[in-house]
N, C-alpha and C. Protein backbone atom coordinates (compact mmCIF):
# COMPACT_ATOMS: atom_id res chain seq x y z
N MET A 1 -20.73 15.04 -26.49
CA MET A 1 -21.30 13.87 -25.49
C MET A 1 -20.05 14.02 -24.79
N VAL A 2 -20.15 14.00 -23.40
CA VAL A 2 -19.20 14.25 -22.50
C VAL A 2 -18.93 12.24 -22.13
N LYS A 3 -17.68 12.13 -22.18
CA LYS A 3 -17.13 10.82 -21.31
C LYS A 3 -16.65 10.80 -20.26
N ARG A 4 -17.27 10.00 -19.47
CA ARG A 4 -16.64 9.89 -17.85
C ARG A 4 -16.03 8.66 -17.45
N ILE A 5 -14.83 8.93 -17.12
CA ILE A 5 -13.78 7.99 -16.78
C ILE A 5 -13.61 8.11 -15.16
N GLU A 6 -13.29 6.82 -14.43
CA GLU A 6 -13.66 7.08 -13.08
C GLU A 6 -11.93 6.21 -12.67
N ILE A 7 -11.36 6.93 -12.09
CA ILE A 7 -10.06 6.36 -11.34
C ILE A 7 -10.21 6.37 -9.83
N ASP A 8 -9.74 5.05 -9.32
CA ASP A 8 -9.94 4.39 -8.24
C ASP A 8 -8.90 4.60 -7.44
N GLY A 9 -8.44 5.97 -6.74
CA GLY A 9 -7.44 6.49 -6.06
C GLY A 9 -6.62 5.21 -5.13
N ASN A 10 -7.52 4.43 -4.24
CA ASN A 10 -6.96 3.61 -3.43
C ASN A 10 -6.08 2.71 -4.08
N SER A 11 -6.30 2.51 -5.72
CA SER A 11 -5.74 1.34 -6.44
C SER A 11 -4.23 2.08 -6.34
N ILE A 12 -3.82 3.50 -6.17
CA ILE A 12 -2.61 3.96 -6.47
C ILE A 12 -1.58 4.12 -5.40
N ASN A 13 -0.84 3.30 -5.34
CA ASN A 13 0.05 3.04 -4.00
C ASN A 13 1.85 3.34 -4.47
N ASP A 14 1.89 3.70 -5.72
CA ASP A 14 3.16 3.83 -5.98
C ASP A 14 3.39 4.54 -7.59
N ILE A 15 4.25 4.72 -8.24
CA ILE A 15 4.03 5.00 -9.76
C ILE A 15 3.71 3.82 -10.56
N ALA A 16 3.98 2.61 -10.47
CA ALA A 16 3.47 1.59 -11.03
C ALA A 16 2.33 1.46 -11.00
N SER A 17 1.82 1.47 -9.92
CA SER A 17 0.13 1.39 -9.91
C SER A 17 -0.69 2.16 -10.50
N PHE A 18 -0.14 3.72 -10.25
CA PHE A 18 -1.04 4.41 -11.01
C PHE A 18 -1.00 4.33 -12.45
N TYR A 19 0.00 3.87 -13.28
CA TYR A 19 -0.10 3.49 -14.48
C TYR A 19 -0.71 2.04 -14.97
N GLU A 20 -0.97 1.63 -14.02
CA GLU A 20 -1.46 0.03 -13.66
C GLU A 20 -3.54 0.80 -13.77
N GLU A 21 -3.75 1.43 -13.15
CA GLU A 21 -4.95 2.17 -12.80
C GLU A 21 -5.32 3.04 -14.12
N ILE A 22 -4.49 3.69 -14.59
CA ILE A 22 -4.70 4.37 -16.11
C ILE A 22 -4.82 3.46 -17.07
N ASN A 23 -3.97 2.44 -17.23
CA ASN A 23 -4.28 1.58 -18.17
C ASN A 23 -5.43 0.95 -17.90
N ARG A 24 -6.27 0.37 -16.71
CA ARG A 24 -7.31 -0.26 -16.51
C ARG A 24 -8.20 0.58 -17.26
N VAL A 25 -8.39 1.54 -16.43
CA VAL A 25 -9.73 2.44 -17.22
C VAL A 25 -9.51 3.24 -18.35
N CYS A 26 -8.49 3.47 -19.06
CA CYS A 26 -8.54 3.95 -20.16
C CYS A 26 -8.34 3.36 -21.42
N MET A 27 -7.35 1.90 -21.36
CA MET A 27 -6.87 1.37 -22.41
C MET A 27 -7.74 0.16 -22.94
N ILE A 28 -8.99 0.47 -22.12
CA ILE A 28 -9.84 -0.95 -22.61
C ILE A 28 -10.11 -0.48 -24.26
N GLY A 29 -10.05 -1.86 -24.92
CA GLY A 29 -10.05 -2.44 -26.24
C GLY A 29 -8.82 -2.24 -27.25
N GLU A 30 -7.85 -1.66 -26.42
CA GLU A 30 -6.51 -1.42 -26.98
C GLU A 30 -5.27 -2.96 -26.89
N SER A 31 -4.70 -3.14 -27.91
CA SER A 31 -3.84 -4.40 -27.65
C SER A 31 -2.54 -4.26 -26.90
N TRP A 32 -2.43 -2.91 -26.43
CA TRP A 32 -1.19 -2.28 -25.86
C TRP A 32 -1.57 -1.37 -24.65
N LEU A 33 -0.17 -1.13 -23.90
CA LEU A 33 -0.52 -0.22 -22.85
C LEU A 33 0.56 0.62 -22.65
N ILE A 34 0.04 1.62 -22.19
CA ILE A 34 0.92 3.09 -22.02
C ILE A 34 2.14 2.40 -21.03
N GLY A 35 3.21 3.18 -21.26
CA GLY A 35 4.46 2.79 -20.35
C GLY A 35 4.29 3.34 -19.18
N HIS A 36 5.29 3.41 -18.42
CA HIS A 36 5.39 4.33 -17.29
C HIS A 36 6.21 5.44 -17.21
N SER A 37 5.35 6.48 -17.66
CA SER A 37 6.07 7.70 -18.61
C SER A 37 5.08 8.95 -18.55
N LEU A 38 5.52 9.88 -17.73
CA LEU A 38 4.84 11.32 -17.95
C LEU A 38 4.37 11.52 -19.15
N ASP A 39 5.48 11.29 -19.99
CA ASP A 39 5.23 11.75 -21.58
C ASP A 39 3.95 10.77 -22.29
N ALA A 40 4.02 9.33 -21.91
CA ALA A 40 3.29 8.63 -22.49
C ALA A 40 1.79 8.93 -21.71
N PHE A 41 1.55 9.40 -20.78
CA PHE A 41 0.47 9.64 -19.94
C PHE A 41 -0.25 10.77 -20.73
N ASN A 42 0.55 11.98 -20.97
CA ASN A 42 0.42 13.25 -21.62
C ASN A 42 -0.18 12.53 -23.14
N ASP A 43 0.54 12.50 -23.83
CA ASP A 43 0.14 11.75 -25.17
C ASP A 43 -1.34 10.77 -24.92
N LEU A 44 -1.20 10.34 -24.23
CA LEU A 44 -2.76 9.68 -23.82
C LEU A 44 -3.94 10.34 -24.10
N LEU A 45 -3.77 11.41 -23.24
CA LEU A 45 -4.60 12.33 -22.97
C LEU A 45 -4.62 13.26 -24.52
N PHE A 46 -3.75 13.62 -25.13
CA PHE A 46 -3.91 13.94 -26.53
C PHE A 46 -4.38 13.33 -27.85
N ALA A 47 -4.18 11.89 -27.68
CA ALA A 47 -4.38 11.22 -28.45
C ALA A 47 -5.85 10.62 -28.69
N GLY A 48 -6.09 10.20 -27.50
CA GLY A 48 -7.53 9.65 -27.13
C GLY A 48 -7.35 8.22 -27.65
N TYR A 49 -6.66 7.24 -27.05
CA TYR A 49 -6.79 6.02 -27.38
C TYR A 49 -7.84 5.27 -26.52
N GLY A 50 -8.08 4.37 -26.69
CA GLY A 50 -9.10 3.31 -25.98
C GLY A 50 -10.47 4.12 -25.43
N THR A 51 -10.13 3.96 -24.19
CA THR A 51 -11.46 4.51 -23.78
C THR A 51 -11.91 6.29 -24.12
N LEU A 52 -10.84 6.61 -24.17
CA LEU A 52 -10.75 8.17 -24.55
C LEU A 52 -10.74 8.40 -26.02
N GLN A 53 -11.00 7.67 -26.74
CA GLN A 53 -10.88 7.68 -28.14
C GLN A 53 -12.47 8.28 -28.75
N GLY A 54 -12.05 9.30 -29.49
CA GLY A 54 -13.46 10.08 -30.07
C GLY A 54 -14.09 10.97 -29.10
N ALA A 55 -13.43 11.08 -27.75
CA ALA A 55 -14.35 11.82 -26.69
C ALA A 55 -13.82 13.21 -26.85
N GLN A 56 -14.95 14.09 -27.40
CA GLN A 56 -14.83 15.65 -27.30
C GLN A 56 -14.46 16.45 -25.63
N SER A 57 -14.92 15.64 -24.88
CA SER A 57 -14.82 16.20 -23.52
C SER A 57 -15.16 15.05 -22.57
N VAL A 58 -14.16 15.09 -21.63
CA VAL A 58 -14.00 14.07 -20.58
C VAL A 58 -14.42 14.43 -18.98
N GLU A 59 -15.07 13.87 -18.30
CA GLU A 59 -15.27 14.05 -16.81
C GLU A 59 -14.12 12.96 -16.33
N LEU A 60 -12.96 13.31 -15.85
CA LEU A 60 -12.11 12.42 -15.20
C LEU A 60 -12.41 12.43 -13.69
N VAL A 61 -13.11 11.41 -13.22
CA VAL A 61 -13.33 11.48 -11.74
C VAL A 61 -12.08 10.39 -10.94
N TRP A 62 -11.33 11.14 -10.18
CA TRP A 62 -10.56 10.88 -9.37
C TRP A 62 -11.13 10.60 -7.68
N HIS A 63 -11.72 9.17 -7.38
CA HIS A 63 -12.21 9.01 -6.18
C HIS A 63 -10.62 8.68 -5.25
N HIS A 64 -11.05 8.75 -4.59
CA HIS A 64 -10.04 8.55 -3.24
C HIS A 64 -8.83 9.35 -3.42
N MET A 65 -8.94 10.78 -4.09
CA MET A 65 -7.74 11.47 -4.01
C MET A 65 -6.68 11.42 -3.45
N ASP A 66 -7.11 12.06 -2.24
CA ASP A 66 -6.05 12.13 -0.92
C ASP A 66 -5.34 10.88 -0.91
N HIS A 67 -5.29 9.69 -1.25
CA HIS A 67 -4.68 8.43 -0.94
C HIS A 67 -3.55 8.60 -1.83
N SER A 68 -3.93 8.87 -3.15
CA SER A 68 -3.09 9.00 -4.40
C SER A 68 -2.21 10.02 -4.20
N ARG A 69 -2.67 11.06 -3.75
CA ARG A 69 -1.61 12.40 -3.37
C ARG A 69 -0.67 11.80 -2.34
N ASN A 70 -1.01 11.32 -1.38
CA ASN A 70 0.07 10.90 -0.42
C ASN A 70 1.03 9.68 -1.28
N ALA A 71 0.21 8.75 -1.94
CA ALA A 71 1.07 7.95 -2.43
C ALA A 71 2.26 8.22 -3.49
N LEU A 72 1.82 9.24 -4.16
CA LEU A 72 2.87 9.89 -5.25
C LEU A 72 3.19 11.34 -5.13
N GLY A 73 3.44 11.33 -3.66
CA GLY A 73 4.11 12.43 -2.85
C GLY A 73 5.45 12.60 -2.76
N TYR A 74 5.85 13.38 -1.88
CA TYR A 74 7.21 13.80 -1.73
C TYR A 74 8.36 12.16 -1.40
N GLN A 75 7.69 11.50 -0.79
CA GLN A 75 9.09 10.07 -0.99
C GLN A 75 9.20 9.49 -2.20
N THR A 76 8.20 9.31 -2.72
CA THR A 76 7.69 8.66 -4.25
C THR A 76 8.51 9.40 -5.23
N THR A 77 8.31 10.67 -5.02
CA THR A 77 8.82 11.58 -5.99
C THR A 77 10.38 11.55 -5.83
N ARG A 78 10.90 11.39 -4.63
CA ARG A 78 12.59 11.74 -4.07
C ARG A 78 12.79 10.45 -4.82
N ALA A 79 12.37 9.66 -4.73
CA ALA A 79 13.00 7.84 -4.83
C ALA A 79 13.23 8.10 -6.56
N TYR A 80 12.00 8.58 -7.37
CA TYR A 80 11.90 8.74 -8.59
C TYR A 80 12.95 9.32 -9.08
N TYR A 81 13.54 10.63 -8.32
CA TYR A 81 14.39 11.70 -9.36
C TYR A 81 15.77 10.90 -8.77
N LEU A 82 15.68 10.16 -7.79
CA LEU A 82 17.55 9.69 -7.56
C LEU A 82 17.48 8.39 -8.67
N GLU A 83 15.98 7.72 -9.04
CA GLU A 83 16.60 6.58 -9.60
C GLU A 83 17.16 7.07 -11.05
N LYS A 84 16.54 8.20 -11.38
CA LYS A 84 16.95 9.37 -12.88
C LYS A 84 18.18 9.50 -12.72
N LEU A 85 18.74 9.76 -11.29
CA LEU A 85 19.82 10.10 -11.19
C LEU A 85 21.40 9.11 -11.15
N ARG A 86 20.82 8.04 -11.06
CA ARG A 86 21.79 7.04 -10.55
C ARG A 86 23.04 6.85 -11.85
N PRO A 87 24.04 6.60 -11.22
CA PRO A 87 25.12 6.24 -12.70
C PRO A 87 24.61 5.65 -13.49
N GLY A 88 24.90 6.04 -15.02
CA GLY A 88 24.51 5.29 -16.05
C GLY A 88 23.29 5.71 -16.87
N SER A 89 22.45 6.12 -15.87
CA SER A 89 21.01 6.31 -16.45
C SER A 89 21.31 7.07 -17.76
N PRO A 90 20.32 6.81 -18.58
CA PRO A 90 20.29 7.64 -19.63
C PRO A 90 19.75 9.43 -19.64
N TYR A 91 19.24 9.85 -18.42
CA TYR A 91 17.97 10.73 -18.51
C TYR A 91 19.26 12.00 -18.18
N ASN A 92 18.72 13.37 -18.00
CA ASN A 92 19.20 14.55 -18.27
C ASN A 92 19.37 14.97 -16.51
N LYS A 93 20.71 14.38 -16.18
CA LYS A 93 20.97 14.44 -15.02
C LYS A 93 20.95 15.75 -14.35
N ILE A 94 20.88 17.06 -15.05
CA ILE A 94 20.90 18.36 -14.52
C ILE A 94 19.59 18.70 -14.33
N MET A 95 18.83 18.50 -15.32
CA MET A 95 17.39 18.80 -15.00
C MET A 95 16.79 18.03 -13.83
N PHE A 96 16.94 16.83 -13.75
CA PHE A 96 16.75 15.81 -12.31
C PHE A 96 17.18 16.46 -10.92
N ASN A 97 18.43 16.77 -11.41
CA ASN A 97 19.27 17.21 -9.92
C ASN A 97 18.22 18.32 -9.55
N GLU A 98 18.04 19.35 -10.24
CA GLU A 98 17.16 20.79 -10.25
C GLU A 98 15.77 20.38 -9.61
N LYS A 99 15.15 19.66 -10.15
CA LYS A 99 14.03 19.29 -9.54
C LYS A 99 14.02 18.42 -8.49
N LEU A 100 15.03 17.69 -7.93
CA LEU A 100 15.13 17.16 -6.99
C LEU A 100 15.61 18.12 -5.56
N GLU A 101 16.64 19.00 -6.18
CA GLU A 101 16.77 20.16 -5.33
C GLU A 101 15.35 20.75 -4.65
N ALA A 102 14.69 21.34 -5.90
CA ALA A 102 13.49 21.93 -5.59
C ALA A 102 12.57 21.55 -4.71
N LEU A 103 12.46 19.80 -4.79
CA LEU A 103 11.71 19.24 -4.16
C LEU A 103 12.06 19.27 -2.67
N GLU A 104 13.30 18.93 -2.22
CA GLU A 104 14.10 19.04 -1.08
C GLU A 104 13.66 20.42 -0.29
N ARG A 105 13.83 21.58 -1.01
CA ARG A 105 13.28 22.54 -0.83
C ARG A 105 12.35 22.83 -0.25
N GLY A 106 11.16 22.48 -0.95
CA GLY A 106 10.09 22.40 -0.49
C GLY A 106 9.25 23.16 -1.62
N ASN A 107 9.85 23.11 -2.98
CA ASN A 107 8.90 24.19 -3.54
C ASN A 107 9.23 23.32 -4.96
N GLY A 108 9.47 22.20 -5.18
CA GLY A 108 9.22 21.55 -6.29
C GLY A 108 8.06 20.54 -6.40
N GLU A 109 7.80 20.37 -7.54
CA GLU A 109 6.40 19.16 -7.63
C GLU A 109 6.74 17.92 -7.12
N THR A 110 5.66 17.33 -6.71
CA THR A 110 5.88 15.71 -6.42
C THR A 110 5.11 15.30 -7.69
N TYR A 111 5.48 13.94 -7.95
CA TYR A 111 5.01 13.28 -9.10
C TYR A 111 3.30 13.47 -9.20
N PHE A 112 2.95 13.51 -8.31
CA PHE A 112 1.18 13.73 -8.21
C PHE A 112 0.59 15.23 -8.76
N ASN A 113 1.40 16.16 -8.35
CA ASN A 113 1.28 17.61 -8.81
C ASN A 113 2.00 17.72 -10.48
N THR A 114 2.64 16.60 -10.69
CA THR A 114 3.08 17.09 -12.04
C THR A 114 1.80 16.21 -12.88
N ILE A 115 1.40 15.20 -12.42
CA ILE A 115 0.16 14.73 -13.03
C ILE A 115 -0.92 15.57 -13.13
N LEU A 116 -1.59 16.36 -12.00
CA LEU A 116 -2.17 17.24 -12.11
C LEU A 116 -2.06 18.19 -13.17
N SER A 117 -0.97 18.58 -13.13
CA SER A 117 -0.11 19.75 -14.41
C SER A 117 -0.66 19.27 -15.77
N ILE A 118 -0.18 18.17 -15.88
CA ILE A 118 -0.89 17.59 -17.13
C ILE A 118 -2.10 17.55 -17.62
N ILE A 119 -2.74 17.00 -16.38
CA ILE A 119 -4.47 17.01 -16.81
C ILE A 119 -4.58 18.25 -17.29
N ALA A 120 -4.30 19.58 -16.24
CA ALA A 120 -5.07 20.78 -16.43
C ALA A 120 -4.54 21.20 -17.85
N GLU A 121 -3.54 20.74 -18.67
CA GLU A 121 -2.95 21.29 -19.95
C GLU A 121 -3.88 20.89 -21.00
N HIS A 122 -5.04 20.10 -20.43
CA HIS A 122 -6.49 19.76 -21.74
C HIS A 122 -7.72 20.14 -21.01
N PRO A 123 -7.60 21.30 -21.76
CA PRO A 123 -8.81 22.02 -21.69
C PRO A 123 -9.95 21.00 -21.84
N ASN A 124 -10.35 20.11 -22.40
CA ASN A 124 -11.21 19.25 -22.64
C ASN A 124 -11.42 18.21 -21.55
N ILE A 125 -10.63 18.32 -20.64
CA ILE A 125 -11.10 17.22 -19.59
C ILE A 125 -11.11 17.88 -18.24
N LYS A 126 -12.05 17.59 -17.66
CA LYS A 126 -12.64 18.41 -16.49
C LYS A 126 -12.16 17.34 -15.19
N LEU A 127 -11.61 17.75 -14.41
CA LEU A 127 -10.86 16.70 -13.26
C LEU A 127 -11.97 17.08 -12.04
N ILE A 128 -12.54 15.95 -11.54
CA ILE A 128 -13.54 15.94 -10.59
C ILE A 128 -12.90 15.17 -9.35
N CYS A 129 -12.27 15.79 -8.17
CA CYS A 129 -11.94 15.18 -7.05
C CYS A 129 -13.04 14.57 -5.97
N ASP A 130 -12.90 13.42 -5.79
CA ASP A 130 -14.13 12.88 -4.99
C ASP A 130 -13.36 12.16 -4.00
């Protein structure tokens, strides 16, 4: 049986609102929410909490994807990397500096592209752009 999940891309205006939307549609019935982390998003897709629990096949319908693509594009991604590089942050500065340089050269992934890459790693999830 195919589980259908629908994301409202117009609700996604930054990284925080991406996770708010994912929690809204995927964490129904759970007493906790996933954090603002790409690893947490990937874990959600693997583990099948909330709405995804028990689903062997998922159709992920992303309405208004272009809005999300713009909201999670270059500027948002650059700010995200710069935050990871701030003095005193515990993150892998070498990795995030390389990602920032690639982004600025025009051949790095945006946050949006990274989300799509994570979804693509899950063969049981079919992404439908609407």
